[in-house]
Amino acid sequence: MTMKPRPSRRIPASVFKARCLALLDDVQATRETLVVTRRGRPVVMVVAVPERPEGRSLRGSVRYLGDIVAPIGEDWEALR
């Protein structure tokens, strides 16, 4: 279940710096976008990473094409 981001709120960079970890937790929990400003101008936007669906696995997503550590049959010389 993915939640849409909520509308953004603005916060000065000095407040973000002082409360960074708590604000990141808030963004993750509320899915609210956070716009950090410097002198009233937007500088950066903090958004929550989309949640991945439950039970999703990488099983079956990798293909085996051969031995990746065996010699490839070409002669080469290391640079010194």
PDB file of N, CA and C in Angstrom:
ATOM      1  N   MET A   1       0.846  -1.172   0.000  1.00  0.00           N
ATOM      2  CA  MET A   1       0.000   0.000   0.000  1.00  0.00           C
ATOM      3  C   MET A   1       0.892   1.236   0.000  1.00  0.00           C
ATOM      4  N   THR A   2       0.823   2.026  -1.045  1.00  0.00           N
ATOM      5  CA  THR A   2       1.611   3.255  -1.119  1.00  0.00           C
ATOM      6  C   THR A   2       0.712   4.445  -0.861  1.00  0.00           C
ATOM      7  N   MET A   3       1.222   5.324  -0.039  1.00  0.00           N
ATOM      8  CA  MET A   3       0.468   6.524   0.277  1.00  0.00           C
ATOM      9  C   MET A   3       1.002   7.680  -0.556  1.00  0.00           C
ATOM     10  N   LYS A   4       0.098   8.558  -1.011  1.00  0.00           N
ATOM     11  CA  LYS A   4       0.528   9.733  -1.754  1.00  0.00           C
ATOM     12  C   LYS A   4       1.163  10.730  -0.796  1.00  0.00           C
ATOM     13  N   PRO A   5       2.199  11.471  -1.285  1.00  0.00           N
ATOM     14  CA  PRO A   5       2.776  12.486  -0.419  1.00  0.00           C
ATOM     15  C   PRO A   5       1.761  13.574  -0.100  1.00  0.00           C
ATOM     16  N   ARG A   6       1.801  14.047   1.122  1.00  0.00           N
ATOM     17  CA  ARG A   6       0.917  15.139   1.514  1.00  0.00           C
ATOM     18  C   ARG A   6       1.514  16.451   1.042  1.00  0.00           C
ATOM     19  N   PRO A   7       0.708  17.513   1.030  1.00  0.00           N
ATOM     20  CA  PRO A   7       1.233  18.813   0.615  1.00  0.00           C
ATOM     21  C   PRO A   7       2.430  19.211   1.477  1.00  0.00           C
ATOM     22  N   SER A   8       3.281  20.044   0.912  1.00  0.00           N
ATOM     23  CA  SER A   8       4.520  20.385   1.598  1.00  0.00           C
ATOM     24  C   SER A   8       4.340  21.477   2.645  1.00  0.00           C
ATOM     25  N   ARG A   9       5.274  21.480   3.589  1.00  0.00           N
ATOM     26  CA  ARG A   9       5.356  22.589   4.527  1.00  0.00           C
ATOM     27  C   ARG A   9       6.770  23.130   4.429  1.00  0.00           C
ATOM     28  N   ARG A  10       6.935  24.403   4.731  1.00  0.00           N
ATOM     29  CA  ARG A  10       8.232  25.061   4.630  1.00  0.00           C
ATOM     30  C   ARG A  10       8.853  25.211   6.001  1.00  0.00           C
ATOM     31  N   ILE A  11      10.173  25.100   6.032  1.00  0.00           N
ATOM     32  CA  ILE A  11      10.902  25.233   7.282  1.00  0.00           C
ATOM     33  C   ILE A  11      12.258  25.868   6.983  1.00  0.00           C
ATOM     34  N   PRO A  12      12.690  26.817   7.807  1.00  0.00           N
ATOM     35  CA  PRO A  12      14.003  27.437   7.587  1.00  0.00           C
ATOM     36  C   PRO A  12      15.144  26.429   7.797  1.00  0.00           C
ATOM     37  N   ALA A  13      16.243  26.628   7.082  1.00  0.00           N
ATOM     38  CA  ALA A  13      17.392  25.725   7.170  1.00  0.00           C
ATOM     39  C   ALA A  13      17.924  25.617   8.596  1.00  0.00           C
ATOM     40  N   SER A  14      17.892  26.709   9.345  1.00  0.00           N
ATOM     41  CA  SER A  14      18.401  26.671  10.719  1.00  0.00           C
ATOM     42  C   SER A  14      17.578  25.730  11.598  1.00  0.00           C
ATOM     43  N   VAL A  15      16.267  25.717  11.405  1.00  0.00           N
ATOM     44  CA  VAL A  15      15.392  24.804  12.160  1.00  0.00           C
ATOM     45  C   VAL A  15      15.628  23.367  11.696  1.00  0.00           C
ATOM     46  N   PHE A  16      15.776  23.181  10.382  1.00  0.00           N
ATOM     47  CA  PHE A  16      16.042  21.840   9.858  1.00  0.00           C
ATOM     48  C   PHE A  16      17.347  21.299  10.441  1.00  0.00           C
ATOM     49  N   LYS A  17      18.368  22.144  10.485  1.00  0.00           N
ATOM     50  CA  LYS A  17      19.660  21.725  11.018  1.00  0.00           C
ATOM     51  C   LYS A  17      19.545  21.302  12.485  1.00  0.00           C
ATOM     52  N   ALA A  18      18.801  22.048  13.256  1.00  0.00           N
ATOM     53  CA  ALA A  18      18.666  21.763  14.689  1.00  0.00           C
ATOM     54  C   ALA A  18      17.815  20.521  14.963  1.00  0.00           C
ATOM     55  N   ARG A  19      16.825  20.237  14.099  1.00  0.00           N
ATOM     56  CA  ARG A  19      15.877  19.150  14.368  1.00  0.00           C
ATOM     57  C   ARG A  19      15.855  18.102  13.260  1.00  0.00           C
ATOM     58  N   CYS A  20      16.952  17.950  12.554  1.00  0.00           N
ATOM     59  CA  CYS A  20      17.012  17.118  11.355  1.00  0.00           C
ATOM     60  C   CYS A  20      16.450  15.708  11.545  1.00  0.00           C
ATOM     61  N   LEU A  21      16.947  14.958  12.507  1.00  0.00           N
ATOM     62  CA  LEU A  21      16.519  13.564  12.666  1.00  0.00           C
ATOM     63  C   LEU A  21      15.035  13.446  12.997  1.00  0.00           C
ATOM     64  N   ALA A  22      14.542  14.307  13.854  1.00  0.00           N
ATOM     65  CA  ALA A  22      13.116  14.284  14.194  1.00  0.00           C
ATOM     66  C   ALA A  22      12.269  14.643  12.973  1.00  0.00           C
ATOM     67  N   LEU A  23      12.715  15.615  12.190  1.00  0.00           N
ATOM     68  CA  LEU A  23      11.970  16.001  10.991  1.00  0.00           C
ATOM     69  C   LEU A  23      11.956  14.874   9.956  1.00  0.00           C
ATOM     70  N   LEU A  24      13.065  14.170   9.817  1.00  0.00           N
ATOM     71  CA  LEU A  24      13.097  13.027   8.894  1.00  0.00           C
ATOM     72  C   LEU A  24      12.120  11.944   9.333  1.00  0.00           C
ATOM     73  N   ASP A  25      12.049  11.694  10.633  1.00  0.00           N
ATOM     74  CA  ASP A  25      11.076  10.718  11.147  1.00  0.00           C
ATOM     75  C   ASP A  25       9.646  11.172  10.847  1.00  0.00           C
ATOM     76  N   ASP A  26       9.378  12.475  10.999  1.00  0.00           N
ATOM     77  CA  ASP A  26       8.050  13.021  10.701  1.00  0.00           C
ATOM     78  C   ASP A  26       7.687  12.831   9.231  1.00  0.00           C
ATOM     79  N   VAL A  27       8.643  13.115   8.349  1.00  0.00           N
ATOM     80  CA  VAL A  27       8.391  12.967   6.907  1.00  0.00           C
ATOM     81  C   VAL A  27       8.073  11.515   6.584  1.00  0.00           C
ATOM     82  N   GLN A  28       8.813  10.597   7.170  1.00  0.00           N
ATOM     83  CA  GLN A  28       8.567   9.178   6.920  1.00  0.00           C
ATOM     84  C   GLN A  28       7.189   8.759   7.437  1.00  0.00           C
ATOM     85  N   ALA A  29       6.828   9.220   8.615  1.00  0.00           N
ATOM     86  CA  ALA A  29       5.564   8.807   9.237  1.00  0.00           C
ATOM     87  C   ALA A  29       4.347   9.437   8.571  1.00  0.00           C
ATOM     88  N   THR A  30       4.442  10.727   8.227  1.00  0.00           N
ATOM     89  CA  THR A  30       3.277  11.447   7.705  1.00  0.00           C
ATOM     90  C   THR A  30       3.220  11.497   6.190  1.00  0.00           C
ATOM     91  N   ARG A  31       4.350  11.149   5.519  1.00  0.00           N
ATOM     92  CA  ARG A  31       4.470  11.227   4.056  1.00  0.00           C
ATOM     93  C   ARG A  31       4.338  12.669   3.586  1.00  0.00           C
ATOM     94  N   GLU A  32       4.516  13.622   4.483  1.00  0.00           N
ATOM     95  CA  GLU A  32       4.424  15.039   4.156  1.00  0.00           C
ATOM     96  C   GLU A  32       5.749  15.505   3.572  1.00  0.00           C
ATOM     97  N   THR A  33       5.707  16.236   2.462  1.00  0.00           N
ATOM     98  CA  THR A  33       6.896  16.789   1.850  1.00  0.00           C
ATOM     99  C   THR A  33       7.360  17.988   2.658  1.00  0.00           C
ATOM    100  N   LEU A  34       8.655  18.114   2.840  1.00  0.00           N
ATOM    101  CA  LEU A  34       9.228  19.199   3.626  1.00  0.00           C
ATOM    102  C   LEU A  34      10.133  20.022   2.721  1.00  0.00           C
ATOM    103  N   VAL A  35       9.876  21.322   2.624  1.00  0.00           N
ATOM    104  CA  VAL A  35      10.696  22.222   1.826  1.00  0.00           C
ATOM    105  C   VAL A  35      11.566  23.031   2.778  1.00  0.00           C
ATOM    106  N   VAL A  36      12.878  22.906   2.619  1.00  0.00           N
ATOM    107  CA  VAL A  36      13.819  23.642   3.459  1.00  0.00           C
ATOM    108  C   VAL A  36      14.181  24.927   2.724  1.00  0.00           C
ATOM    109  N   THR A  37      14.095  26.045   3.446  1.00  0.00           N
ATOM    110  CA  THR A  37      14.344  27.346   2.825  1.00  0.00           C
ATOM    111  C   THR A  37      15.574  28.010   3.434  1.00  0.00           C
ATOM    112  N   ARG A  38      16.170  28.867   2.651  1.00  0.00           N
ATOM    113  CA  ARG A  38      17.259  29.720   3.122  1.00  0.00           C
ATOM    114  C   ARG A  38      16.897  31.137   2.710  1.00  0.00           C
ATOM    115  N   ARG A  39      16.750  32.000   3.696  1.00  0.00           N
ATOM    116  CA  ARG A  39      16.311  33.384   3.482  1.00  0.00           C
ATOM    117  C   ARG A  39      14.980  33.438   2.730  1.00  0.00           C
ATOM    118  N   GLY A  40      14.123  32.498   3.047  1.00  0.00           N
ATOM    119  CA  GLY A  40      12.784  32.468   2.466  1.00  0.00           C
ATOM    120  C   GLY A  40      12.681  31.832   1.097  1.00  0.00           C
ATOM    121  N   ARG A  41      13.803  31.456   0.510  1.00  0.00           N
ATOM    122  CA  ARG A  41      13.789  30.833  -0.826  1.00  0.00           C
ATOM    123  C   ARG A  41      13.988  29.328  -0.705  1.00  0.00           C
ATOM    124  N   PRO A  42      13.200  28.525  -1.418  1.00  0.00           N
ATOM    125  CA  PRO A  42      13.333  27.064  -1.343  1.00  0.00           C
ATOM    126  C   PRO A  42      14.722  26.613  -1.792  1.00  0.00           C
ATOM    127  N   VAL A  43      15.318  25.720  -1.015  1.00  0.00           N
ATOM    128  CA  VAL A  43      16.645  25.207  -1.328  1.00  0.00           C
ATOM    129  C   VAL A  43      16.599  23.717  -1.636  1.00  0.00           C
ATOM    130  N   VAL A  44      15.868  22.991  -0.814  1.00  0.00           N
ATOM    131  CA  VAL A  44      15.817  21.543  -0.981  1.00  0.00           C
ATOM    132  C   VAL A  44      14.455  21.022  -0.534  1.00  0.00           C
ATOM    133  N   MET A  45      14.066  19.895  -1.112  1.00  0.00           N
ATOM    134  CA  MET A  45      12.790  19.270  -0.760  1.00  0.00           C
ATOM    135  C   MET A  45      13.085  17.884  -0.198  1.00  0.00           C
ATOM    136  N   VAL A  46      12.515  17.582   0.946  1.00  0.00           N
ATOM    137  CA  VAL A  46      12.683  16.272   1.576  1.00  0.00           C
ATOM    138  C   VAL A  46      11.368  15.511   1.392  1.00  0.00           C
ATOM    139  N   VAL A  47      11.465  14.344   0.757  1.00  0.00           N
ATOM    140  CA  VAL A  47      10.280  13.515   0.533  1.00  0.00           C
ATOM    141  C   VAL A  47      10.553  12.108   1.039  1.00  0.00           C
ATOM    142  N   ALA A  48       9.524  11.423   1.430  1.00  0.00           N
ATOM    143  CA  ALA A  48       9.662  10.043   1.898  1.00  0.00           C
ATOM    144  C   ALA A  48       9.877   9.119   0.709  1.00  0.00           C
ATOM    145  N   VAL A  49      10.679   8.107   0.914  1.00  0.00           N
ATOM    146  CA  VAL A  49      10.911   7.094  -0.110  1.00  0.00           C
ATOM    147  C   VAL A  49       9.641   6.255  -0.224  1.00  0.00           C
ATOM    148  N   PRO A  50       9.209   5.958  -1.450  1.00  0.00           N
ATOM    149  CA  PRO A  50       8.003   5.134  -1.593  1.00  0.00           C
ATOM    150  C   PRO A  50       8.181   3.776  -0.916  1.00  0.00           C
ATOM    151  N   GLU A  51       7.131   3.343  -0.249  1.00  0.00           N
ATOM    152  CA  GLU A  51       7.177   2.050   0.416  1.00  0.00           C
ATOM    153  C   GLU A  51       7.091   0.947  -0.618  1.00  0.00           C
ATOM    154  N   ARG A  52       7.839  -0.119  -0.378  1.00  0.00           N
ATOM    155  CA  ARG A  52       7.752  -1.238  -1.315  1.00  0.00           C
ATOM    156  C   ARG A  52       6.620  -2.161  -0.873  1.00  0.00           C
ATOM    157  N   PRO A  53       5.956  -2.783  -1.816  1.00  0.00           N
ATOM    158  CA  PRO A  53       4.846  -3.671  -1.463  1.00  0.00           C
ATOM    159  C   PRO A  53       5.304  -4.813  -0.562  1.00  0.00           C
ATOM    160  N   GLU A  54       4.459  -5.220   0.351  1.00  0.00           N
ATOM    161  CA  GLU A  54       4.762  -6.321   1.260  1.00  0.00           C
ATOM    162  C   GLU A  54       4.985  -7.608   0.477  1.00  0.00           C
ATOM    163  N   GLY A  55       5.956  -8.383   0.930  1.00  0.00           N
ATOM    164  CA  GLY A  55       6.191  -9.686   0.327  1.00  0.00           C
ATOM    165  C   GLY A  55       6.953  -9.653  -0.985  1.00  0.00           C
ATOM    166  N   ARG A  56       7.332  -8.478  -1.440  1.00  0.00           N
ATOM    167  CA  ARG A  56       8.052  -8.401  -2.710  1.00  0.00           C
ATOM    168  C   ARG A  56       9.462  -8.951  -2.515  1.00  0.00           C
ATOM    169  N   SER A  57       9.901  -9.734  -3.450  1.00  0.00           N
ATOM    170  CA  SER A  57      11.192 -10.391  -3.350  1.00  0.00           C
ATOM    171  C   SER A  57      11.948 -10.242  -4.658  1.00  0.00           C
ATOM    172  N   LEU A  58      13.252 -10.385  -4.616  1.00  0.00           N
ATOM    173  CA  LEU A  58      14.066 -10.367  -5.831  1.00  0.00           C
ATOM    174  C   LEU A  58      14.233 -11.764  -6.429  1.00  0.00           C
ATOM    175  N   ARG A  59      13.637 -12.752  -5.787  1.00  0.00           N
ATOM    176  CA  ARG A  59      13.747 -14.121  -6.286  1.00  0.00           C
ATOM    177  C   ARG A  59      13.249 -14.192  -7.732  1.00  0.00           C
ATOM    178  N   GLY A  60      14.085 -14.786  -8.589  1.00  0.00           N
ATOM    179  CA  GLY A  60      13.729 -14.943  -9.995  1.00  0.00           C
ATOM    180  C   GLY A  60      14.104 -13.745 -10.857  1.00  0.00           C
ATOM    181  N   SER A  61      14.669 -12.716 -10.277  1.00  0.00           N
ATOM    182  CA  SER A  61      14.991 -11.525 -11.054  1.00  0.00           C
ATOM    183  C   SER A  61      16.425 -11.528 -11.581  1.00  0.00           C
ATOM    184  N   VAL A  62      17.230 -12.500 -11.185  1.00  0.00           N
ATOM    185  CA  VAL A  62      18.620 -12.581 -11.619  1.00  0.00           C
ATOM    186  C   VAL A  62      18.771 -13.744 -12.590  1.00  0.00           C
ATOM    187  N   ARG A  63      19.456 -13.484 -13.704  1.00  0.00           N
ATOM    188  CA  ARG A  63      19.690 -14.544 -14.684  1.00  0.00           C
ATOM    189  C   ARG A  63      21.132 -15.016 -14.591  1.00  0.00           C
ATOM    190  N   TYR A  64      21.340 -16.308 -14.647  1.00  0.00           N
ATOM    191  CA  TYR A  64      22.666 -16.915 -14.623  1.00  0.00           C
ATOM    192  C   TYR A  64      23.108 -17.107 -16.062  1.00  0.00           C
ATOM    193  N   LEU A  65      24.212 -16.431 -16.459  1.00  0.00           N
ATOM    194  CA  LEU A  65      24.680 -16.516 -17.837  1.00  0.00           C
ATOM    195  C   LEU A  65      25.980 -17.291 -17.979  1.00  0.00           C
ATOM    196  N   GLY A  66      26.553 -17.733 -16.891  1.00  0.00           N
ATOM    197  CA  GLY A  66      27.801 -18.486 -16.962  1.00  0.00           C
ATOM    198  C   GLY A  66      28.681 -18.181 -15.768  1.00  0.00           C
ATOM    199  N   ASP A  67      29.865 -18.775 -15.790  1.00  0.00           N
ATOM    200  CA  ASP A  67      30.808 -18.604 -14.691  1.00  0.00           C
ATOM    201  C   ASP A  67      31.434 -17.214 -14.760  1.00  0.00           C
ATOM    202  N   ILE A  68      31.269 -16.426 -13.720  1.00  0.00           N
ATOM    203  CA  ILE A  68      31.765 -15.052 -13.746  1.00  0.00           C
ATOM    204  C   ILE A  68      33.195 -14.920 -13.233  1.00  0.00           C
ATOM    205  N   VAL A  69      33.782 -16.012 -12.736  1.00  0.00           N
ATOM    206  CA  VAL A  69      35.144 -15.940 -12.223  1.00  0.00           C
ATOM    207  C   VAL A  69      36.136 -16.757 -13.042  1.00  0.00           C
ATOM    208  N   ALA A  70      35.678 -17.520 -13.991  1.00  0.00           N
ATOM    209  CA  ALA A  70      36.568 -18.340 -14.813  1.00  0.00           C
ATOM    210  C   ALA A  70      37.315 -17.449 -15.817  1.00  0.00           C
ATOM    211  N   PRO A  71      38.513 -17.879 -16.244  1.00  0.00           N
ATOM    212  CA  PRO A  71      39.241 -17.119 -17.263  1.00  0.00           C
ATOM    213  C   PRO A  71      38.416 -16.997 -18.538  1.00  0.00           C
ATOM    214  N   ILE A  72      38.577 -15.888 -19.250  1.00  0.00           N
ATOM    215  CA  ILE A  72      37.777 -15.653 -20.456  1.00  0.00           C
ATOM    216  C   ILE A  72      38.499 -16.089 -21.723  1.00  0.00           C
ATOM    217  N   GLY A  73      39.750 -16.561 -21.573  1.00  0.00           N
ATOM    218  CA  GLY A  73      40.458 -17.078 -22.728  1.00  0.00           C
ATOM    219  C   GLY A  73      41.286 -16.034 -23.460  1.00  0.00           C
ATOM    220  N   GLU A  74      41.351 -14.824 -22.974  1.00  0.00           N
ATOM    221  CA  GLU A  74      42.160 -13.780 -23.603  1.00  0.00           C
ATOM    222  C   GLU A  74      43.400 -13.529 -22.764  1.00  0.00           C
ATOM    223  N   ASP A  75      44.549 -13.368 -23.462  1.00  0.00           N
ATOM    224  CA  ASP A  75      45.765 -12.999 -22.762  1.00  0.00           C
ATOM    225  C   ASP A  75      45.743 -11.505 -22.517  1.00  0.00           C
ATOM    226  N   TRP A  76      46.240 -11.084 -21.372  1.00  0.00           N
ATOM    227  CA  TRP A  76      46.309  -9.655 -21.067  1.00  0.00           C
ATOM    228  C   TRP A  76      47.476  -9.420 -20.138  1.00  0.00           C
ATOM    229  N   GLU A  77      47.885  -8.191 -20.082  1.00  0.00           N
ATOM    230  CA  GLU A  77      49.027  -7.848 -19.267  1.00  0.00           C
ATOM    231  C   GLU A  77      48.639  -6.703 -18.348  1.00  0.00           C
ATOM    232  N   ALA A  78      48.942  -6.878 -17.079  1.00  0.00           N
ATOM    233  CA  ALA A  78      48.608  -5.844 -16.106  1.00  0.00           C
ATOM    234  C   ALA A  78      49.545  -4.639 -16.270  1.00  0.00           C
ATOM    235  N   LEU A  79      48.985  -3.452 -16.118  1.00  0.00           N
ATOM    236  CA  LEU A  79      49.803  -2.235 -16.177  1.00  0.00           C
ATOM    237  C   LEU A  79      50.517  -2.045 -14.864  1.00  0.00           C
ATOM    238  N   ARG A  80      51.705  -1.521 -14.936  1.00  0.00           N
ATOM    239  CA  ARG A  80      52.468  -1.256 -13.710  1.00  0.00           C
ATOM    240  C   ARG A  80      52.524   0.199 -13.427  1.00  0.00           C
TER     241      ARG A  80
END
